[in-house]
């Protein structure tokens, strides 16, 4: 699961002036704010662990608590609940984000800089189109063989902290945490195995960031190292609008072109193995056998072009993507790919 739900929306209008937003870290906030945020986050985390969508919905800001508006969050609650089992929950970090001075219809990013007491590090937030108000961001860690981080964006309504965004993230992939992937990426980079380094830096980022709109001094360092180790072919990135194009050798016929739009690492279903995930553009999904054959060939083309990828993964999952259709997934074990 690589997404979260932001219940805030962009308000239609034009920003007038640049208004200041302020951040207060846990060490500097008042005791009532600290306890209020911590207690609200823990109650929400417990409700998520229990799969109690109704309880989470009841604690959501009014404008996003209707059945239709709450549906994406309910799906996240249900999907996350099964991952937490009987894990112990602990609130580990909280921030007070004061956006009460924002213009009424400001659609710009609400930027918060949060220097950490006694260090040169800081945590930063850039939340798009955040309506004015007093907010909090709380992180709840879970224990267990497969630890998770549950992050909540909260807004104070009439003195009560209510849910404005929910961001669940796994803290490990195939039994290893973000720091392990960061260290491994550095090792691959030093060995000039840049494709592996790029993927592992990316996995470290995925596991270490609490939400897509949150950054930090540590994450900035990680991203800088990833940029320095980026393979030349990926300098411009990889996306649906800027795919990585590979061609098969054509030894058994005309060369075939494959357009890869995404590549990352992820756990196997049992959480024990690490797989390479590839998304490749497909023009036609109507013939399943043909799609499967093409996906298998695409995986082999990637592994032939970058042999180092064979050493770090158990299998390859290829998602054949076509606009307006569910992707067709093909799974292979790398040892079975010639």
Protein backbone atom coordinates (compact mmCIF):
# COMPACT_ATOMS: atom_id res chain seq x y z
CA UNK A 1 0.00 0.00 0.00
CA UNK A 2 1.75 3.13 -1.24
CA UNK A 3 -0.98 5.71 -0.84
CA UNK A 4 -2.80 7.57 1.89
CA UNK A 5 -5.93 9.66 2.02
CA UNK A 6 -5.86 13.42 2.40
CA UNK A 7 -9.34 14.50 3.42
CA UNK A 8 -8.53 18.16 2.87
CA UNK A 9 -9.45 19.58 -0.53
CA UNK A 10 -8.37 22.48 -2.69
CA UNK A 11 -10.72 25.39 -2.16
CA UNK A 12 -11.66 27.24 -5.35
CA UNK A 13 -10.33 30.78 -5.41
CA UNK A 14 -7.26 32.95 -5.75
CA UNK A 15 -4.77 33.44 -2.90
CA UNK A 16 -4.39 37.05 -1.92
CA UNK A 17 -1.43 37.54 0.38
CA UNK A 18 1.28 35.19 1.62
CA UNK A 19 0.26 34.29 5.17
CA UNK A 20 2.61 32.76 7.67
CA UNK A 21 2.16 29.23 8.97
CA UNK A 22 3.91 28.12 12.13
CA UNK A 23 4.97 24.75 13.50
CA UNK A 24 5.44 23.81 17.14
CA UNK A 25 7.29 20.62 17.96
CA UNK A 26 6.34 18.31 20.81
CA UNK A 27 8.97 19.69 23.19
CA UNK A 28 7.66 23.24 22.87
CA UNK A 29 3.90 22.81 22.65
CA UNK A 30 1.59 23.37 25.63
CA UNK A 31 0.64 20.37 27.73
CA UNK A 32 -3.04 20.53 26.72
CA UNK A 33 -2.18 20.56 23.00
CA UNK A 34 0.36 17.77 23.51
CA UNK A 35 -2.00 15.49 25.42
CA UNK A 36 -4.97 16.34 23.19
CA UNK A 37 -3.13 15.47 19.99
CA UNK A 38 -1.55 12.34 21.45
CA UNK A 39 -4.82 11.02 22.89
CA UNK A 40 -6.78 11.71 19.69
CA UNK A 41 -4.16 9.98 17.53
CA UNK A 42 -4.03 6.93 19.81
CA UNK A 43 -7.83 6.60 19.80
CA UNK A 44 -7.87 6.75 16.01
CA UNK A 45 -5.05 4.20 15.75
CA UNK A 46 -6.92 1.84 18.06
CA UNK A 47 -10.06 2.22 15.95
CA UNK A 48 -8.05 1.46 12.80
CA UNK A 49 -6.49 -1.59 14.46
CA UNK A 50 -9.99 -2.83 15.36
CA UNK A 51 -11.28 -2.14 11.85
CA UNK A 52 -13.89 0.16 13.36
CA UNK A 53 -14.62 2.40 10.38
CA UNK A 54 -17.69 3.87 12.05
CA UNK A 55 -15.62 5.12 14.98
CA UNK A 56 -13.05 6.68 12.66
CA UNK A 57 -15.83 8.28 10.63
CA UNK A 58 -17.40 9.74 13.76
CA UNK A 59 -14.05 11.37 14.59
CA UNK A 60 -13.60 12.88 11.10
CA UNK A 61 -14.10 16.57 10.29
CA UNK A 62 -17.72 17.17 9.31
CA UNK A 63 -17.22 18.15 5.68
CA UNK A 64 -15.53 14.82 4.91
CA UNK A 65 -17.55 12.48 7.11
CA UNK A 66 -20.35 11.74 4.62
CA UNK A 67 -20.49 8.20 3.26
CA UNK A 68 -19.21 9.14 -0.20
CA UNK A 69 -16.42 11.43 1.02
CA UNK A 70 -15.31 8.95 3.68
CA UNK A 71 -15.26 5.88 1.39
CA UNK A 72 -11.52 6.05 0.45
CA UNK A 73 -10.56 6.38 4.13
CA UNK A 74 -12.85 3.49 5.07
CA UNK A 75 -11.11 1.31 2.48
CA UNK A 76 -7.73 2.23 3.96
CA UNK A 77 -8.95 1.47 7.48
CA UNK A 78 -10.18 -1.96 6.43
CA UNK A 79 -7.02 -2.79 4.48
CA UNK A 80 -4.72 -1.59 7.27
CA UNK A 81 -6.55 -3.27 10.14
CA UNK A 82 -5.67 -6.77 8.96
CA UNK A 83 -1.95 -5.85 9.01
CA UNK A 84 -1.87 -4.74 12.65
CA UNK A 85 -3.28 -7.78 14.49
CA UNK A 86 -2.41 -7.46 18.18
CA UNK A 87 0.48 -5.03 17.73
CA UNK A 88 1.20 -2.52 20.48
CA UNK A 89 0.50 1.08 19.46
CA UNK A 90 2.67 4.00 20.56
CA UNK A 91 2.48 7.70 19.68
CA UNK A 92 6.05 8.65 18.77
CA UNK A 93 5.95 12.14 17.22
CA UNK A 94 3.46 15.00 17.17
CA UNK A 95 3.52 18.46 15.61
CA UNK A 96 1.19 21.44 15.98
CA UNK A 97 0.63 23.13 12.61
CA UNK A 98 -0.98 26.55 12.90
CA UNK A 99 -2.59 27.65 9.64
CA UNK A 100 -5.21 29.88 11.26
CA UNK A 101 -3.83 32.98 9.50
CA UNK A 102 -4.18 31.61 5.96
CA UNK A 103 -6.36 33.52 3.54
CA UNK A 104 -9.92 32.24 3.35
CA UNK A 105 -9.66 30.79 -0.15
CA UNK A 106 -5.90 30.21 -0.44
CA UNK A 107 -5.07 27.26 -2.72
CA UNK A 108 -1.29 27.47 -2.35
CA UNK A 109 0.82 25.01 -0.38
CA UNK A 110 0.76 25.49 3.38
CA UNK A 111 4.44 25.24 4.30
CA UNK A 112 5.58 24.48 7.84
CA UNK A 113 9.20 24.36 9.00
CA UNK A 114 9.77 22.52 12.28
CA UNK A 115 13.33 22.79 13.67
CA UNK A 116 14.03 20.01 16.13
CA UNK A 117 15.17 21.18 19.56
CA UNK A 118 18.87 20.75 20.27
CA UNK A 119 19.79 19.67 16.73
CA UNK A 120 20.45 21.15 13.31
CA UNK A 121 17.72 18.94 11.82
CA UNK A 122 14.17 19.85 10.96
CA UNK A 123 10.95 18.36 9.65
CA UNK A 124 9.02 20.18 6.94
CA UNK A 125 5.43 19.97 5.72
CA UNK A 126 4.05 21.24 2.40
CA UNK A 127 0.30 20.53 2.34
CA UNK A 128 -1.48 21.57 -0.83
CA UNK A 129 -4.55 23.79 -0.48
CA UNK A 130 -4.85 23.38 3.28
CA UNK A 131 -7.87 25.37 4.55
CA UNK A 132 -7.22 27.75 7.44
CA UNK A 133 -7.30 26.25 10.91
CA UNK A 134 -5.24 24.74 13.70
CA UNK A 135 -3.85 21.34 12.73
CA UNK A 136 -1.75 18.60 14.21
CA UNK A 137 0.28 15.80 12.67
CA UNK A 138 0.71 12.67 14.77
CA UNK A 139 2.69 9.49 14.11
CA UNK A 140 1.72 6.20 15.76
CA UNK A 141 4.15 3.28 15.50
CA UNK A 142 3.17 -0.38 15.73
CA UNK A 143 5.33 -3.27 16.90
CA UNK A 144 5.48 -6.80 15.54
CA UNK A 145 7.15 -8.76 12.78
CA UNK A 146 5.81 -6.33 10.19
CA UNK A 147 5.76 -2.89 11.86
CA UNK A 148 3.58 -0.10 10.50
CA UNK A 149 3.40 3.64 10.88
CA UNK A 150 -0.03 5.26 11.13
CA UNK A 151 0.13 9.01 10.55
CA UNK A 152 -2.83 11.31 11.09
CA UNK A 153 -3.48 14.89 10.05
CA UNK A 154 -5.85 16.33 12.66
CA UNK A 155 -7.80 19.59 12.78
CA UNK A 156 -9.15 21.24 15.89
CA UNK A 157 -12.90 21.85 15.59
CA UNK A 158 -14.54 23.55 18.58
CA UNK A 159 -11.76 22.32 20.83
CA UNK A 160 -11.86 18.71 19.57
CA UNK A 161 -9.13 17.15 17.42
CA UNK A 162 -10.70 15.44 14.40
CA UNK A 163 -9.31 13.47 11.48
CA UNK A 164 -8.42 15.41 8.33
CA UNK A 165 -6.06 12.87 6.71
CA UNK A 166 -4.92 9.27 7.23
CA UNK A 167 -1.59 7.89 5.95
CA UNK A 168 -0.76 4.24 6.80
CA UNK A 169 2.64 2.97 5.70
CA UNK A 170 4.55 -0.26 6.17
CA UNK A 171 7.84 0.22 8.04
CA UNK A 172 9.54 -2.82 6.51
CA UNK A 173 9.78 -4.65 3.21
CA UNK A 174 10.75 -8.32 3.11
CA UNK A 175 11.75 -8.11 6.78
CA UNK A 176 14.10 -5.12 6.46
CA UNK A 177 13.57 -1.50 7.50
CA UNK A 178 14.34 1.76 5.72
CA UNK A 179 17.77 2.20 7.28
CA UNK A 180 18.80 -1.24 5.99
CA UNK A 181 17.72 -0.33 2.46
CA UNK A 182 19.59 2.99 2.72
CA UNK A 183 22.80 1.26 3.80
CA UNK A 184 22.40 -1.39 1.08
CA UNK A 185 21.85 1.33 -1.53
CA UNK A 186 25.10 2.98 -0.50
CA UNK A 187 26.90 -0.35 -0.86
CA UNK A 188 25.49 -0.87 -4.36
CA UNK A 189 26.39 2.71 -5.32
CA UNK A 190 30.00 2.21 -4.23
CA UNK A 191 30.12 -0.97 -6.33
CA UNK A 192 28.80 1.05 -9.31
CA UNK A 193 25.64 -1.06 -9.39
CA UNK A 194 23.53 2.03 -9.93
CA UNK A 195 20.25 0.38 -10.89
CA UNK A 196 20.13 -1.56 -7.64
CA UNK A 197 21.25 1.52 -5.72
CA UNK A 198 18.48 3.62 -7.30
CA UNK A 199 15.78 1.07 -6.42
CA UNK A 200 17.05 0.57 -2.87
CA UNK A 201 17.35 4.32 -2.20
CA UNK A 202 13.76 4.60 -3.40
CA UNK A 203 12.61 1.82 -1.08
CA UNK A 204 14.38 3.48 1.84
CA UNK A 205 12.53 6.72 1.06
CA UNK A 206 9.23 4.87 0.86
CA UNK A 207 9.73 3.26 4.26
CA UNK A 208 11.15 6.29 6.09
CA UNK A 209 8.76 9.09 5.08
CA UNK A 210 5.50 9.32 7.06
CA UNK A 211 3.50 10.94 4.22
CA UNK A 212 4.22 12.32 0.76
CA UNK A 213 3.96 15.93 1.94
CA UNK A 214 6.49 15.47 4.76
CA UNK A 215 10.23 15.96 4.37
CA UNK A 216 13.15 16.23 6.76
CA UNK A 217 16.86 16.87 6.90
CA UNK A 218 17.42 13.10 6.92
CA UNK A 219 15.17 12.49 3.91
CA UNK A 220 16.80 15.36 2.02
CA UNK A 221 20.18 13.65 2.56
CA UNK A 222 18.78 10.34 1.33
CA UNK A 223 17.31 11.95 -1.80
CA UNK A 224 20.55 13.75 -2.52
CA UNK A 225 22.43 10.44 -2.38
CA UNK A 226 19.87 8.88 -4.70
CA UNK A 227 20.24 11.68 -7.24
CA UNK A 228 24.01 11.24 -7.18
CA UNK A 229 23.66 7.51 -7.88
CA UNK A 230 20.93 7.75 -10.55
CA UNK A 231 21.70 5.71 -13.68
CA UNK A 232 22.14 7.95 -16.75
CA UNK A 233 19.00 6.50 -18.37
CA UNK A 234 16.91 7.64 -15.39
CA UNK A 235 18.22 11.19 -15.00
CA UNK A 236 14.92 12.50 -16.37
CA UNK A 237 12.89 10.16 -14.17
CA UNK A 238 10.48 7.38 -15.09
CA UNK A 239 6.73 7.93 -15.41
CA UNK A 240 3.77 7.40 -17.70
CA UNK A 241 4.63 10.65 -19.48
CA UNK A 242 8.35 9.87 -19.56
CA UNK A 243 8.74 6.08 -19.87
CA UNK A 244 11.98 4.15 -19.93
CA UNK A 245 12.15 2.53 -23.37
CA UNK A 246 13.89 -0.83 -23.86
CA UNK A 247 13.98 -3.04 -26.92
CA UNK A 248 14.39 -6.79 -27.04
CA UNK A 249 17.34 -8.17 -28.98
CA UNK A 250 15.09 -9.49 -31.70
CA UNK A 251 17.10 -12.74 -31.90
CA UNK A 252 13.93 -14.72 -32.52
CA UNK A 253 12.13 -12.13 -34.62
CA UNK A 254 11.64 -8.38 -34.96
CA UNK A 255 12.76 -6.26 -32.04
CA UNK A 256 9.97 -5.32 -29.64
CA UNK A 257 9.80 -2.04 -27.74
CA UNK A 258 8.78 -1.95 -24.07
CA UNK A 259 7.85 1.27 -22.26
CA UNK A 260 8.40 1.02 -18.50
CA UNK A 261 6.63 3.64 -16.41
CA UNK A 262 7.55 2.55 -12.88
CA UNK A 263 10.05 0.28 -11.12
CA UNK A 264 10.46 -0.43 -7.43
CA UNK A 265 10.93 -3.20 -4.84
CA UNK A 266 8.20 -4.82 -2.76
CA UNK A 267 7.61 -7.80 -0.50
CA UNK A 268 6.27 -11.13 -1.68
CA UNK A 269 2.81 -12.08 -0.44
CA UNK A 270 4.23 -13.90 2.58
CA UNK A 271 6.56 -10.99 3.40
CA UNK A 272 9.67 -13.15 3.22
CA UNK A 273 11.08 -12.36 -0.23
CA UNK A 274 11.89 -9.19 -2.15
CA UNK A 275 10.41 -8.80 -5.62
CA UNK A 276 11.10 -6.39 -8.44
CA UNK A 277 7.95 -4.58 -9.54
CA UNK A 278 7.72 -3.30 -13.11
CA UNK A 279 4.91 -1.32 -14.71
CA UNK A 280 4.88 -1.47 -18.50
CA UNK A 281 2.55 0.25 -20.92
CA UNK A 282 0.21 -2.02 -22.86
CA UNK A 283 -1.87 -1.05 -25.89
CA UNK A 284 -4.28 -3.97 -25.73
CA UNK A 285 -5.32 -6.20 -22.82
CA UNK A 286 -8.01 -8.20 -24.63
CA UNK A 287 -5.84 -11.29 -25.19
CA UNK A 288 -4.61 -12.51 -21.76
CA UNK A 289 -2.19 -15.04 -23.23
CA UNK A 290 -0.58 -12.40 -25.44
CA UNK A 291 -0.36 -9.94 -22.54
CA UNK A 292 1.31 -12.55 -20.34
CA UNK A 293 3.81 -13.45 -23.05
CA UNK A 294 4.64 -9.80 -23.64
CA UNK A 295 5.05 -9.15 -19.90
CA UNK A 296 7.41 -12.09 -19.56
CA UNK A 297 9.44 -10.79 -22.48
CA UNK A 298 9.49 -7.31 -20.95
CA UNK A 299 10.87 -8.69 -17.68
CA UNK A 300 13.58 -10.56 -19.55
CA UNK A 301 14.46 -7.44 -21.54
CA UNK A 302 14.95 -5.50 -18.31
CA UNK A 303 17.08 -8.22 -16.71
CA UNK A 304 19.15 -8.65 -19.88
CA UNK A 305 19.80 -4.91 -20.04
CA UNK A 306 20.72 -4.66 -16.36
CA UNK A 307 22.06 -8.01 -15.21
CA UNK A 308 22.80 -6.74 -11.69
CA UNK A 309 19.05 -6.77 -10.96
CA UNK A 310 19.08 -10.57 -10.92
CA UNK A 311 21.10 -10.74 -7.69
CA UNK A 312 18.78 -8.86 -5.29
CA UNK A 313 15.28 -10.14 -6.05
CA UNK A 314 13.38 -13.37 -5.75
CA UNK A 315 10.87 -12.64 -8.49
CA UNK A 316 9.55 -10.08 -10.95
CA UNK A 317 5.97 -8.82 -11.04
CA UNK A 318 5.02 -7.08 -14.27
CA UNK A 319 1.92 -4.88 -14.31
CA UNK A 320 0.66 -4.38 -17.86
CA UNK A 321 -1.13 -1.02 -17.74
CA UNK A 322 -3.68 0.33 -20.19
CA UNK A 323 -5.73 3.47 -19.58
CA UNK A 324 -9.23 2.75 -18.32
CA UNK A 325 -8.50 -0.89 -17.47
CA UNK A 326 -7.31 -2.86 -14.47
CA UNK A 327 -3.68 -3.90 -14.94
CA UNK A 328 -2.88 -7.48 -15.87
CA UNK A 329 -0.25 -8.87 -13.47
CA UNK A 330 2.32 -11.49 -14.45
CA UNK A 331 4.55 -13.05 -11.79
CA UNK A 332 7.81 -14.87 -12.45
CA UNK A 333 10.66 -16.24 -10.35
CA UNK A 334 13.96 -14.77 -11.51
CA UNK A 335 15.67 -18.17 -11.39
CA UNK A 336 13.23 -19.33 -14.08
CA UNK A 337 14.00 -16.45 -16.42
CA UNK A 338 16.74 -17.42 -18.92
